[in-house]
Amino acid sequence: MTHNVALDLGWAPSACTLPTAEQPLRVAEFDALFADAVQALARPEPTRLRLELAFSPAHAARAAELAARENGCCSFFTFTLTIADGSLALEVTVPAAHVEVLDALAERAGASA
């Protein structure tokens, strides 16, 4: 089943400064990262998502670069990349006002992983 990103209203809130034409490309980049690297995900609280990624320098670099670019247009995200003891995790947190965006991100990660 395909997902129509143009209709995905929860993904790009009004606070996002990424040009509308570029938003589907960014979503595709996240989808590719999720498909290639996500091994497990957890939602320890409504405002926090934890993605366990396959351990590799390439996945770490890709996640860090994508998180930095995403934070540039949606500054409400907080990304924390943890590399320790042969594991790699990306945590994403948002303020309560943006939980629906995190919900959409978690749904995409779960569907792609």
C-alpha atoms as a PDB file:
ATOM      1  CA  MET A   1       0.000   0.000   0.000  1.00  0.00           C
ATOM      2  CA  THR A   2       1.349   3.426  -0.869  1.00  0.00           C
ATOM      3  CA  HIS A   3       1.004   6.477   1.306  1.00  0.00           C
ATOM      4  CA  ASN A   4      -0.017   9.780  -0.270  1.00  0.00           C
ATOM      5  CA  VAL A   5       2.323  12.276   1.372  1.00  0.00           C
ATOM      6  CA  ALA A   6       0.459  15.178  -0.202  1.00  0.00           C
ATOM      7  CA  LEU A   7      -2.515  14.303   1.995  1.00  0.00           C
ATOM      8  CA  ASP A   8      -0.463  13.635   5.109  1.00  0.00           C
ATOM      9  CA  LEU A   9      -1.541  16.726   7.051  1.00  0.00           C
ATOM     10  CA  GLY A  10       0.045  15.561  10.315  1.00  0.00           C
ATOM     11  CA  TRP A  11       3.514  15.441   8.839  1.00  0.00           C
ATOM     12  CA  ALA A  12       4.192  19.085   8.056  1.00  0.00           C
ATOM     13  CA  PRO A  13       2.679  21.524  10.533  1.00  0.00           C
ATOM     14  CA  SER A  14       2.358  25.237   9.840  1.00  0.00           C
ATOM     15  CA  ALA A  15       5.563  25.784  11.874  1.00  0.00           C
ATOM     16  CA  CYS A  16       7.555  23.989   9.164  1.00  0.00           C
ATOM     17  CA  THR A  17       9.555  26.364   6.980  1.00  0.00           C
ATOM     18  CA  LEU A  18      10.568  23.746   4.385  1.00  0.00           C
ATOM     19  CA  PRO A  19       9.090  24.751   1.013  1.00  0.00           C
ATOM     20  CA  THR A  20       5.969  22.728   0.239  1.00  0.00           C
ATOM     21  CA  ALA A  21       7.499  21.290  -2.933  1.00  0.00           C
ATOM     22  CA  GLU A  22      10.408  19.859  -0.917  1.00  0.00           C
ATOM     23  CA  GLN A  23       8.289  18.243   1.806  1.00  0.00           C
ATOM     24  CA  PRO A  24       7.564  14.993  -0.121  1.00  0.00           C
ATOM     25  CA  LEU A  25      11.294  14.617  -0.768  1.00  0.00           C
ATOM     26  CA  ARG A  26      12.067  14.952   2.945  1.00  0.00           C
ATOM     27  CA  VAL A  27       9.355  12.424   3.792  1.00  0.00           C
ATOM     28  CA  ALA A  28      10.911  10.035   1.269  1.00  0.00           C
ATOM     29  CA  GLU A  29      14.318  10.484   2.939  1.00  0.00           C
ATOM     30  CA  PHE A  30      12.830   9.586   6.318  1.00  0.00           C
ATOM     31  CA  ASP A  31      11.023   6.602   4.783  1.00  0.00           C
ATOM     32  CA  ALA A  32      14.286   5.357   3.267  1.00  0.00           C
ATOM     33  CA  LEU A  33      16.124   5.712   6.592  1.00  0.00           C
ATOM     34  CA  PHE A  34      13.313   3.893   8.376  1.00  0.00           C
ATOM     35  CA  ALA A  35      13.276   1.060   5.821  1.00  0.00           C
ATOM     36  CA  ASP A  36      17.059   0.654   5.799  1.00  0.00           C
ATOM     37  CA  ALA A  37      17.944   1.147   9.449  1.00  0.00           C
ATOM     38  CA  VAL A  38      15.085   0.903  11.964  1.00  0.00           C
ATOM     39  CA  GLN A  39      15.118  -2.357  13.901  1.00  0.00           C
ATOM     40  CA  ALA A  40      12.685  -1.409  16.666  1.00  0.00           C
ATOM     41  CA  LEU A  41      10.751   1.550  17.921  1.00  0.00           C
ATOM     42  CA  ALA A  42       9.325   2.532  21.272  1.00  0.00           C
ATOM     43  CA  ARG A  43       7.077   5.312  22.451  1.00  0.00           C
ATOM     44  CA  PRO A  44       8.046   5.742  26.130  1.00  0.00           C
ATOM     45  CA  GLU A  45       5.832   8.821  26.391  1.00  0.00           C
ATOM     46  CA  PRO A  46       3.521  10.719  24.016  1.00  0.00           C
ATOM     47  CA  THR A  47       6.126  13.377  23.255  1.00  0.00           C
ATOM     48  CA  ARG A  48       9.065  10.984  22.745  1.00  0.00           C
ATOM     49  CA  LEU A  49       9.853   8.375  20.102  1.00  0.00           C
ATOM     50  CA  ARG A  50      12.895   6.095  20.285  1.00  0.00           C
ATOM     51  CA  LEU A  51      14.157   4.400  17.135  1.00  0.00           C
ATOM     52  CA  GLU A  52      16.693   1.612  17.471  1.00  0.00           C
ATOM     53  CA  LEU A  53      18.802   1.663  14.319  1.00  0.00           C
ATOM     54  CA  ALA A  54      21.041  -0.990  12.825  1.00  0.00           C
ATOM     55  CA  PHE A  55      24.536  -0.174  14.030  1.00  0.00           C
ATOM     56  CA  SER A  56      26.753   1.254  11.308  1.00  0.00           C
ATOM     57  CA  PRO A  57      28.710   4.450  10.739  1.00  0.00           C
ATOM     58  CA  ALA A  58      26.694   5.042   7.566  1.00  0.00           C
ATOM     59  CA  HIS A  59      23.355   4.862   9.399  1.00  0.00           C
ATOM     60  CA  ALA A  60      24.672   7.134  12.163  1.00  0.00           C
ATOM     61  CA  ALA A  61      25.881   9.727   9.659  1.00  0.00           C
ATOM     62  CA  ARG A  62      22.668   9.546   7.654  1.00  0.00           C
ATOM     63  CA  ALA A  63      20.453   9.896  10.743  1.00  0.00           C
ATOM     64  CA  ALA A  64      22.523  12.816  12.059  1.00  0.00           C
ATOM     65  CA  GLU A  65      22.500  14.653   8.743  1.00  0.00           C
ATOM     66  CA  LEU A  66      18.752  14.160   8.236  1.00  0.00           C
ATOM     67  CA  ALA A  67      17.989  15.208  11.826  1.00  0.00           C
ATOM     68  CA  ALA A  68      20.079  18.375  11.435  1.00  0.00           C
ATOM     69  CA  ARG A  69      18.312  19.349   8.225  1.00  0.00           C
ATOM     70  CA  GLU A  70      14.880  18.592   9.698  1.00  0.00           C
ATOM     71  CA  ASN A  71      15.646  20.674  12.773  1.00  0.00           C
ATOM     72  CA  GLY A  72      16.475  23.542  10.437  1.00  0.00           C
ATOM     73  CA  CYS A  73      12.899  23.722   9.136  1.00  0.00           C
ATOM     74  CA  CYS A  74      10.943  22.304  12.097  1.00  0.00           C
ATOM     75  CA  SER A  75      12.822  23.685  15.072  1.00  0.00           C
ATOM     76  CA  PHE A  76      10.323  22.213  17.552  1.00  0.00           C
ATOM     77  CA  PHE A  77      11.926  18.773  17.095  1.00  0.00           C
ATOM     78  CA  THR A  78      14.693  17.666  19.432  1.00  0.00           C
ATOM     79  CA  PHE A  79      16.809  14.846  18.029  1.00  0.00           C
ATOM     80  CA  THR A  80      19.244  12.872  20.156  1.00  0.00           C
ATOM     81  CA  LEU A  81      21.522  10.365  18.448  1.00  0.00           C
ATOM     82  CA  THR A  82      23.131   7.898  20.846  1.00  0.00           C
ATOM     83  CA  ILE A  83      26.012   5.640  19.885  1.00  0.00           C
ATOM     84  CA  ALA A  84      27.097   3.351  22.709  1.00  0.00           C
ATOM     85  CA  ASP A  85      28.175  -0.239  23.249  1.00  0.00           C
ATOM     86  CA  GLY A  86      27.622  -1.233  19.629  1.00  0.00           C
ATOM     87  CA  SER A  87      24.126   0.208  19.469  1.00  0.00           C
ATOM     88  CA  LEU A  88      22.643   3.172  17.666  1.00  0.00           C
ATOM     89  CA  ALA A  89      19.458   5.000  18.652  1.00  0.00           C
ATOM     90  CA  LEU A  90      17.687   8.112  17.489  1.00  0.00           C
ATOM     91  CA  GLU A  91      15.295   9.744  19.932  1.00  0.00           C
ATOM     92  CA  VAL A  92      12.857  12.345  18.727  1.00  0.00           C
ATOM     93  CA  THR A  93      10.984  14.593  21.144  1.00  0.00           C
ATOM     94  CA  VAL A  94       8.445  17.324  20.533  1.00  0.00           C
ATOM     95  CA  PRO A  95       6.468  19.764  22.665  1.00  0.00           C
ATOM     96  CA  ALA A  96       2.942  18.596  23.519  1.00  0.00           C
ATOM     97  CA  ALA A  97       1.510  20.947  20.892  1.00  0.00           C
ATOM     98  CA  HIS A  98       3.199  18.873  18.159  1.00  0.00           C
ATOM     99  CA  VAL A  99       2.379  15.334  19.304  1.00  0.00           C
ATOM    100  CA  GLU A 100       0.368  14.721  16.121  1.00  0.00           C
ATOM    101  CA  VAL A 101       3.540  15.271  14.075  1.00  0.00           C
ATOM    102  CA  LEU A 102       5.385  12.721  16.200  1.00  0.00           C
ATOM    103  CA  ASP A 103       2.415  10.350  15.808  1.00  0.00           C
ATOM    104  CA  ALA A 104       2.762  10.614  12.016  1.00  0.00           C
ATOM    105  CA  LEU A 105       6.518  10.063  12.227  1.00  0.00           C
ATOM    106  CA  ALA A 106       6.043   6.988  14.447  1.00  0.00           C
ATOM    107  CA  GLU A 107       3.418   5.592  12.082  1.00  0.00           C
ATOM    108  CA  ARG A 108       5.739   5.993   9.095  1.00  0.00           C
ATOM    109  CA  ALA A 109       8.665   4.443  10.975  1.00  0.00           C
ATOM    110  CA  GLY A 110       6.555   1.472  12.021  1.00  0.00           C
ATOM    111  CA  ALA A 111       5.184   0.945   8.524  1.00  0.00           C
ATOM    112  CA  SER A 112       8.597   1.177   6.876  1.00  0.00           C
ATOM    113  CA  ALA A 113      10.636  -0.828   9.379  1.00  0.00           C
END
